[in-house]
């Protein structure tokens, strides 16, 4: 029964936290892969990470 309940659940992505990318400024929303280090996530993609500003 749990599998059918999960298959029908769409979720509410509007309630997920978000923050802007340091490089491009686009908003990036929380992802499960970033759950353990959400505070340390700064870039929305590898391309933005490569384009980051020099310190």
PDB file of N, CA and C in Angstrom:
ATOM      1  N   UNK A   1       0.819  -1.187   0.000  1.00  0.00           N
ATOM      2  CA  UNK A   1       0.000   0.000   0.000  1.00  0.00           C
ATOM      3  C   UNK A   1       0.872   1.264   0.000  1.00  0.00           C
ATOM      4  N   UNK A   2       2.017   1.224   0.626  1.00  0.00           N
ATOM      5  CA  UNK A   2       2.884   2.393   0.682  1.00  0.00           C
ATOM      6  C   UNK A   2       3.393   2.775  -0.705  1.00  0.00           C
ATOM      7  N   UNK A   3       3.665   1.792  -1.554  1.00  0.00           N
ATOM      8  CA  UNK A   3       4.165   2.082  -2.892  1.00  0.00           C
ATOM      9  C   UNK A   3       3.126   2.825  -3.721  1.00  0.00           C
ATOM     10  N   UNK A   4       1.880   2.442  -3.600  1.00  0.00           N
ATOM     11  CA  UNK A   4       0.839   3.123  -4.371  1.00  0.00           C
ATOM     12  C   UNK A   4       0.619   4.539  -3.856  1.00  0.00           C
ATOM     13  N   UNK A   5       0.789   4.731  -2.561  1.00  0.00           N
ATOM     14  CA  UNK A   5       0.629   6.065  -2.000  1.00  0.00           C
ATOM     15  C   UNK A   5       1.759   6.970  -2.492  1.00  0.00           C
ATOM     16  N   UNK A   6       2.995   6.454  -2.542  1.00  0.00           N
ATOM     17  CA  UNK A   6       4.125   7.240  -3.007  1.00  0.00           C
ATOM     18  C   UNK A   6       4.027   7.532  -4.494  1.00  0.00           C
ATOM     19  N   UNK A   7       3.514   6.601  -5.268  1.00  0.00           N
ATOM     20  CA  UNK A   7       3.393   6.793  -6.711  1.00  0.00           C
ATOM     21  C   UNK A   7       2.390   7.902  -7.025  1.00  0.00           C
ATOM     22  N   UNK A   8       1.370   8.064  -6.210  1.00  0.00           N
ATOM     23  CA  UNK A   8       0.369   9.084  -6.448  1.00  0.00           C
ATOM     24  C   UNK A   8       0.731  10.437  -5.878  1.00  0.00           C
ATOM     25  N   UNK A   9       1.752  10.495  -5.030  1.00  0.00           N
ATOM     26  CA  UNK A   9       2.117  11.744  -4.378  1.00  0.00           C
ATOM     27  C   UNK A   9       2.999  12.573  -5.290  1.00  0.00           C
ATOM     28  N   UNK A  10       2.592  13.792  -5.577  1.00  0.00           N
ATOM     29  CA  UNK A  10       3.355  14.676  -6.461  1.00  0.00           C
ATOM     30  C   UNK A  10       4.299  15.578  -5.672  1.00  0.00           C
ATOM     31  N   UNK A  11       3.983  15.823  -4.417  1.00  0.00           N
ATOM     32  CA  UNK A  11       4.814  16.701  -3.606  1.00  0.00           C
ATOM     33  C   UNK A  11       4.451  18.163  -3.811  1.00  0.00           C
ATOM     34  N   UNK A  12       4.993  18.993  -2.964  1.00  0.00           N
ATOM     35  CA  UNK A  12       4.746  20.425  -3.065  1.00  0.00           C
ATOM     36  C   UNK A  12       6.097  21.127  -3.102  1.00  0.00           C
ATOM     37  N   UNK A  13       6.625  21.334  -4.282  1.00  0.00           N
ATOM     38  CA  UNK A  13       7.952  21.907  -4.430  1.00  0.00           C
ATOM     39  C   UNK A  13       8.002  23.373  -4.030  1.00  0.00           C
ATOM     40  N   UNK A  14       6.871  24.035  -3.937  1.00  0.00           N
ATOM     41  CA  UNK A  14       6.846  25.436  -3.542  1.00  0.00           C
ATOM     42  C   UNK A  14       7.272  25.616  -2.091  1.00  0.00           C
ATOM     43  N   UNK A  15       7.157  24.577  -1.281  1.00  0.00           N
ATOM     44  CA  UNK A  15       7.516  24.693   0.129  1.00  0.00           C
ATOM     45  C   UNK A  15       8.975  24.381   0.392  1.00  0.00           C
ATOM     46  N   UNK A  16       9.717  23.930  -0.616  1.00  0.00           N
ATOM     47  CA  UNK A  16      11.133  23.621  -0.435  1.00  0.00           C
ATOM     48  C   UNK A  16      11.936  24.916  -0.301  1.00  0.00           C
ATOM     49  N   UNK A  17      13.003  24.896   0.511  1.00  0.00           N
ATOM     50  CA  UNK A  17      13.824  26.104   0.619  1.00  0.00           C
ATOM     51  C   UNK A  17      14.587  26.368  -0.674  1.00  0.00           C
ATOM     52  N   UNK A  18      14.921  27.618  -0.909  1.00  0.00           N
ATOM     53  CA  UNK A  18      15.711  27.970  -2.088  1.00  0.00           C
ATOM     54  C   UNK A  18      16.659  29.109  -1.729  1.00  0.00           C
ATOM     55  N   UNK A  19      17.688  29.279  -2.561  1.00  0.00           N
ATOM     56  CA  UNK A  19      18.640  30.371  -2.388  1.00  0.00           C
ATOM     57  C   UNK A  19      19.281  30.648  -3.739  1.00  0.00           C
ATOM     58  N   UNK A  20      19.835  31.852  -3.927  1.00  0.00           N
ATOM     59  CA  UNK A  20      20.419  32.188  -5.233  1.00  0.00           C
ATOM     60  C   UNK A  20      21.804  31.579  -5.416  1.00  0.00           C
ATOM     61  N   UNK A  21      22.132  31.284  -6.645  1.00  0.00           N
ATOM     62  CA  UNK A  21      23.461  30.803  -7.016  1.00  0.00           C
ATOM     63  C   UNK A  21      24.437  31.977  -6.907  1.00  0.00           C
ATOM     64  N   UNK A  22      25.616  31.729  -6.380  1.00  0.00           N
ATOM     65  CA  UNK A  22      26.619  32.781  -6.201  1.00  0.00           C
ATOM     66  C   UNK A  22      27.127  33.299  -7.545  1.00  0.00           C
ATOM     67  N   UNK A  23      27.232  32.438  -8.537  1.00  0.00           N
ATOM     68  CA  UNK A  23      27.801  32.823  -9.826  1.00  0.00           C
ATOM     69  C   UNK A  23      26.797  33.512 -10.747  1.00  0.00           C
ATOM     70  N   UNK A  24      25.610  32.917 -10.917  1.00  0.00           N
ATOM     71  CA  UNK A  24      24.660  33.450 -11.898  1.00  0.00           C
ATOM     72  C   UNK A  24      23.450  34.144 -11.267  1.00  0.00           C
ATOM     73  N   UNK A  25      23.182  33.910  -9.992  1.00  0.00           N
ATOM     74  CA  UNK A  25      22.074  34.563  -9.315  1.00  0.00           C
ATOM     75  C   UNK A  25      20.731  33.875  -9.474  1.00  0.00           C
ATOM     76  N   UNK A  26      20.679  32.785 -10.238  1.00  0.00           N
ATOM     77  CA  UNK A  26      19.419  32.062 -10.404  1.00  0.00           C
ATOM     78  C   UNK A  26      19.021  31.383  -9.104  1.00  0.00           C
ATOM     79  N   UNK A  27      17.733  31.336  -8.820  1.00  0.00           N
ATOM     80  CA  UNK A  27      17.322  30.619  -7.607  1.00  0.00           C
ATOM     81  C   UNK A  27      17.482  29.117  -7.796  1.00  0.00           C
ATOM     82  N   UNK A  28      18.023  28.460  -6.785  1.00  0.00           N
ATOM     83  CA  UNK A  28      18.134  27.003  -6.829  1.00  0.00           C
ATOM     84  C   UNK A  28      17.381  26.450  -5.633  1.00  0.00           C
ATOM     85  N   UNK A  29      16.555  25.470  -5.896  1.00  0.00           N
ATOM     86  CA  UNK A  29      15.756  24.902  -4.824  1.00  0.00           C
ATOM     87  C   UNK A  29      16.438  23.674  -4.253  1.00  0.00           C
ATOM     88  N   UNK A  30      16.071  23.360  -3.040  1.00  0.00           N
ATOM     89  CA  UNK A  30      16.650  22.248  -2.290  1.00  0.00           C
ATOM     90  C   UNK A  30      16.487  20.945  -3.041  1.00  0.00           C
ATOM     91  N   UNK A  31      17.518  20.120  -3.023  1.00  0.00           N
ATOM     92  CA  UNK A  31      17.481  18.792  -3.619  1.00  0.00           C
ATOM     93  C   UNK A  31      17.868  17.779  -2.557  1.00  0.00           C
ATOM     94  N   UNK A  32      17.362  16.580  -2.701  1.00  0.00           N
ATOM     95  CA  UNK A  32      17.669  15.539  -1.726  1.00  0.00           C
ATOM     96  C   UNK A  32      19.166  15.252  -1.667  1.00  0.00           C
ATOM     97  N   UNK A  33      19.846  15.347  -2.799  1.00  0.00           N
ATOM     98  CA  UNK A  33      21.290  15.107  -2.838  1.00  0.00           C
ATOM     99  C   UNK A  33      22.055  16.141  -2.017  1.00  0.00           C
ATOM    100  N   UNK A  34      21.481  17.325  -1.838  1.00  0.00           N
ATOM    101  CA  UNK A  34      22.126  18.386  -1.074  1.00  0.00           C
ATOM    102  C   UNK A  34      21.671  18.424   0.377  1.00  0.00           C
ATOM    103  N   UNK A  35      20.918  17.450   0.835  1.00  0.00           N
ATOM    104  CA  UNK A  35      20.321  17.475   2.171  1.00  0.00           C
ATOM    105  C   UNK A  35      21.369  17.599   3.275  1.00  0.00           C
ATOM    106  N   UNK A  36      22.471  16.877   3.147  1.00  0.00           N
ATOM    107  CA  UNK A  36      23.474  16.881   4.216  1.00  0.00           C
ATOM    108  C   UNK A  36      24.337  18.130   4.226  1.00  0.00           C
ATOM    109  N   UNK A  37      24.460  18.817   3.090  1.00  0.00           N
ATOM    110  CA  UNK A  37      25.335  19.992   3.039  1.00  0.00           C
ATOM    111  C   UNK A  37      24.655  21.200   2.394  1.00  0.00           C
ATOM    112  N   UNK A  38      23.385  21.391   2.616  1.00  0.00           N
ATOM    113  CA  UNK A  38      22.626  22.497   2.012  1.00  0.00           C
ATOM    114  C   UNK A  38      23.242  23.849   2.371  1.00  0.00           C
ATOM    115  N   UNK A  39      23.770  23.989   3.570  1.00  0.00           N
ATOM    116  CA  UNK A  39      24.369  25.266   3.975  1.00  0.00           C
ATOM    117  C   UNK A  39      25.634  25.568   3.169  1.00  0.00           C
ATOM    118  N   UNK A  40      26.310  24.536   2.686  1.00  0.00           N
ATOM    119  CA  UNK A  40      27.555  24.729   1.937  1.00  0.00           C
ATOM    120  C   UNK A  40      27.354  24.844   0.431  1.00  0.00           C
ATOM    121  N   UNK A  41      26.169  24.573  -0.065  1.00  0.00           N
ATOM    122  CA  UNK A  41      25.911  24.629  -1.507  1.00  0.00           C
ATOM    123  C   UNK A  41      25.887  26.085  -1.954  1.00  0.00           C
ATOM    124  N   UNK A  42      26.710  26.412  -2.953  1.00  0.00           N
ATOM    125  CA  UNK A  42      26.808  27.790  -3.437  1.00  0.00           C
ATOM    126  C   UNK A  42      26.454  27.934  -4.908  1.00  0.00           C
ATOM    127  N   UNK A  43      26.674  26.870  -5.686  1.00  0.00           N
ATOM    128  CA  UNK A  43      26.513  26.946  -7.136  1.00  0.00           C
ATOM    129  C   UNK A  43      25.418  26.011  -7.611  1.00  0.00           C
ATOM    130  N   UNK A  44      24.698  26.427  -8.631  1.00  0.00           N
ATOM    131  CA  UNK A  44      23.586  25.625  -9.137  1.00  0.00           C
ATOM    132  C   UNK A  44      24.045  24.526 -10.086  1.00  0.00           C
ATOM    133  N   UNK A  45      25.253  24.648 -10.640  1.00  0.00           N
ATOM    134  CA  UNK A  45      25.716  23.658 -11.611  1.00  0.00           C
ATOM    135  C   UNK A  45      27.231  23.627 -11.658  1.00  0.00           C
ATOM    136  N   UNK A  46      27.764  22.631 -12.362  1.00  0.00           N
ATOM    137  CA  UNK A  46      29.214  22.547 -12.549  1.00  0.00           C
ATOM    138  C   UNK A  46      29.724  23.726 -13.384  1.00  0.00           C
ATOM    139  N   UNK A  47      28.918  24.164 -14.324  1.00  0.00           N
ATOM    140  CA  UNK A  47      29.314  25.302 -15.167  1.00  0.00           C
ATOM    141  C   UNK A  47      29.486  26.562 -14.312  1.00  0.00           C
ATOM    142  N   UNK A  48      28.591  26.802 -13.387  1.00  0.00           N
ATOM    143  CA  UNK A  48      28.716  27.971 -12.502  1.00  0.00           C
ATOM    144  C   UNK A  48      29.890  27.810 -11.550  1.00  0.00           C
ATOM    145  N   UNK A  49      30.157  26.601 -11.125  1.00  0.00           N
ATOM    146  CA  UNK A  49      31.289  26.347 -10.238  1.00  0.00           C
ATOM    147  C   UNK A  49      32.603  26.683 -10.958  1.00  0.00           C
ATOM    148  N   UNK A  50      32.692  26.350 -12.238  1.00  0.00           N
ATOM    149  CA  UNK A  50      33.893  26.672 -13.015  1.00  0.00           C
ATOM    150  C   UNK A  50      34.010  28.164 -13.295  1.00  0.00           C
ATOM    151  N   UNK A  51      32.873  28.837 -13.377  1.00  0.00           N
ATOM    152  CA  UNK A  51      32.853  30.261 -13.690  1.00  0.00           C
ATOM    153  C   UNK A  51      32.990  31.155 -12.464  1.00  0.00           C
ATOM    154  N   UNK A  52      33.125  30.561 -11.295  1.00  0.00           N
ATOM    155  CA  UNK A  52      33.113  31.335 -10.048  1.00  0.00           C
ATOM    156  C   UNK A  52      34.148  32.451 -10.061  1.00  0.00           C
ATOM    157  N   UNK A  53      33.837  33.478  -9.311  1.00  0.00           N
ATOM    158  CA  UNK A  53      34.742  34.633  -9.231  1.00  0.00           C
ATOM    159  C   UNK A  53      35.973  34.281  -8.404  1.00  0.00           C
ATOM    160  N   UNK A  54      37.103  34.808  -8.806  1.00  0.00           N
ATOM    161  CA  UNK A  54      38.340  34.557  -8.062  1.00  0.00           C
ATOM    162  C   UNK A  54      38.287  35.323  -6.731  1.00  0.00           C
ATOM    163  N   UNK A  55      38.841  34.725  -5.670  1.00  0.00           N
ATOM    164  CA  UNK A  55      38.799  35.390  -4.344  1.00  0.00           C
ATOM    165  C   UNK A  55      39.662  36.615  -4.277  1.00  0.00           C
TER     166      UNK A  55
END
